[in-house]
Amino acid sequence: QVQLVESGGGLVQAGGSLRLSCAASGRTFSHYAMGWFRQAPGKEREFVAGISRSGGITNHADSVKGRFTISRDNAKSTVYLQMNSLKPEDTAVYYCAAARLNYNGSPTNEADFGSWGQGTQVTVSS
């Protein structure tokens, strides 16, 4: 399995921006499609964004489309989530995940992911 470590979370005011990073190790990063999920208190974990192995295909949940952007740098074994125009309802623990080896396309289903980071807290104040 690939090991994942998220960073970049924190407290921000509504309308502000954050960039989350997820550093991968243990396997060849470019072999894994990646994704971001989030879980708010009392709610189930939900898909936020996904990206293919090359970075050429991305998907974003409707709730974040136009505000969040997923990207990756295979040379740095890192996937990013740029979050702009943040809202209080974006408050959650954000998780980075790696899809199963050599997954084709941009995964969106939790069942397609096999490795997870520990999560990073994002809190948006009103």
Foldseek 3Di string as FASTA:
>chain_A
DKAKAKDWADEEAAQAKIKMKIAIDDDQLLQWKKFKWWDDPPGDIAGAKTAHSVRPAMDGDPVQPPFWDWGDDSVRRMIMIIGGRDDQVVWTWMKMFTFPGNDPHIDGDPVRTDYIYPTDTHGYHD
